[in-house]
Amino acid sequence: MPVISMFYGIIILMFNFDNKKHHLPHIHAQYAEHTAVISIENGEVLDGALPGSKMKLVQAWMEIHRDELMADWQLALEGNKPFKIEPLK
């Protein structure tokens, strides 16, 4: 499960071949003991939860990097390693 970005204590991951359960392009976000699966297309939480302030940071980051996330999603679906994406500053 490659880490594609890290910022403000949040780890963003993307699994290879990960379209079986959620059937949508998505990322996995971890912060402390919290985890969430978040849709790339609209920032909707598909599973889990993050603290509100951390979720807002992740969704803002996703908005900025949506095209890169979709490109990484295609790579991951094909079994290739996704590229790192610039963290939120």
Protein backbone atom coordinates (compact mmCIF):
# COMPACT_ATOMS: atom_id res chain seq x y z
CA MET A 1 0.00 0.00 0.00
CA PRO A 2 2.06 2.93 -1.23
CA VAL A 3 2.04 6.21 0.63
CA ILE A 4 1.42 8.93 -1.94
CA SER A 5 1.54 11.94 0.40
CA MET A 6 1.89 13.01 4.04
CA PHE A 7 1.00 16.34 5.66
CA TYR A 8 -0.04 17.61 9.10
CA GLY A 9 0.17 14.10 10.55
CA ILE A 10 -2.13 12.68 7.85
CA ILE A 11 -0.95 9.77 5.71
CA ILE A 12 -2.54 9.36 2.26
CA LEU A 13 -2.35 5.89 0.69
CA MET A 14 -3.52 4.22 -2.50
CA PHE A 15 -3.78 0.43 -2.93
CA ASN A 16 -3.18 -1.47 -6.17
CA PHE A 17 -6.22 -3.25 -7.65
CA ASP A 18 -8.48 -1.58 -5.03
CA ASN A 19 -11.77 -1.26 -6.91
CA LYS A 20 -13.56 -4.36 -5.64
CA LYS A 21 -15.16 -3.08 -2.40
CA HIS A 22 -15.96 0.57 -3.12
CA HIS A 23 -16.12 0.46 -6.96
CA LEU A 24 -15.07 4.14 -7.12
CA PRO A 25 -11.72 5.90 -7.41
CA HIS A 26 -10.67 6.60 -3.82
CA ILE A 27 -7.83 7.15 -1.38
CA HIS A 28 -7.23 5.92 2.15
CA ALA A 29 -6.37 8.54 4.76
CA GLN A 30 -4.97 7.83 8.22
CA TYR A 31 -4.56 10.18 11.14
CA ALA A 32 -3.56 8.75 14.54
CA GLU A 33 -6.09 5.95 15.21
CA HIS A 34 -8.58 7.27 12.63
CA THR A 35 -8.92 5.98 9.08
CA ALA A 36 -11.20 6.95 6.20
CA VAL A 37 -11.78 5.95 2.60
CA ILE A 38 -12.59 9.03 0.51
CA SER A 39 -13.89 9.34 -3.06
CA ILE A 40 -11.49 11.14 -5.38
CA GLU A 41 -14.31 12.43 -7.57
CA ASN A 42 -16.28 14.34 -4.92
CA GLY A 43 -14.46 14.06 -1.56
CA GLU A 44 -17.30 11.99 -0.07
CA VAL A 45 -16.40 9.65 2.78
CA LEU A 46 -17.06 6.08 1.68
CA ASP A 47 -15.99 4.40 4.92
CA GLY A 48 -14.55 5.40 8.31
CA ALA A 49 -13.97 8.92 9.60
CA LEU A 50 -11.29 11.49 10.39
CA PRO A 51 -11.53 14.37 12.87
CA GLY A 52 -13.36 17.28 11.19
CA SER A 53 -10.38 19.60 10.85
CA LYS A 54 -8.22 16.83 9.34
CA MET A 55 -10.98 15.81 6.92
CA LYS A 56 -11.19 19.41 5.68
CA LEU A 57 -7.43 19.41 5.06
CA VAL A 58 -7.63 16.14 3.11
CA GLN A 59 -10.57 17.36 1.02
CA ALA A 60 -8.80 20.66 0.24
CA TRP A 61 -5.68 18.73 -0.80
CA MET A 62 -7.78 16.42 -2.97
CA GLU A 63 -9.41 19.39 -4.72
CA ILE A 64 -5.98 20.79 -5.60
CA HIS A 65 -4.60 17.44 -6.81
CA ARG A 66 -7.69 15.76 -8.33
CA ASP A 67 -6.09 15.27 -11.78
CA GLU A 68 -2.95 13.74 -10.27
CA LEU A 69 -5.05 11.50 -8.02
CA MET A 70 -7.05 10.21 -10.99
CA ALA A 71 -3.81 9.51 -12.89
CA ASP A 72 -2.45 7.63 -9.85
CA TRP A 73 -5.74 5.71 -9.59
CA GLN A 74 -5.31 4.45 -13.17
CA LEU A 75 -1.75 3.37 -12.42
CA ALA A 76 -2.83 1.56 -9.24
CA LEU A 77 -5.67 -0.26 -11.03
CA GLU A 78 -3.12 -1.60 -13.51
CA GLY A 79 -0.87 -2.78 -10.66
CA ASN A 80 1.70 -0.02 -11.11
CA LYS A 81 3.13 2.07 -8.32
CA PRO A 82 1.39 5.46 -8.04
CA PHE A 83 3.51 8.60 -8.04
CA LYS A 84 4.04 10.74 -4.93
CA ILE A 85 1.89 13.87 -4.79
CA GLU A 86 2.96 17.19 -3.27
CA PRO A 87 1.72 17.58 0.33
CA LEU A 88 -0.57 20.36 1.49
CA LYS A 89 1.48 23.34 2.64
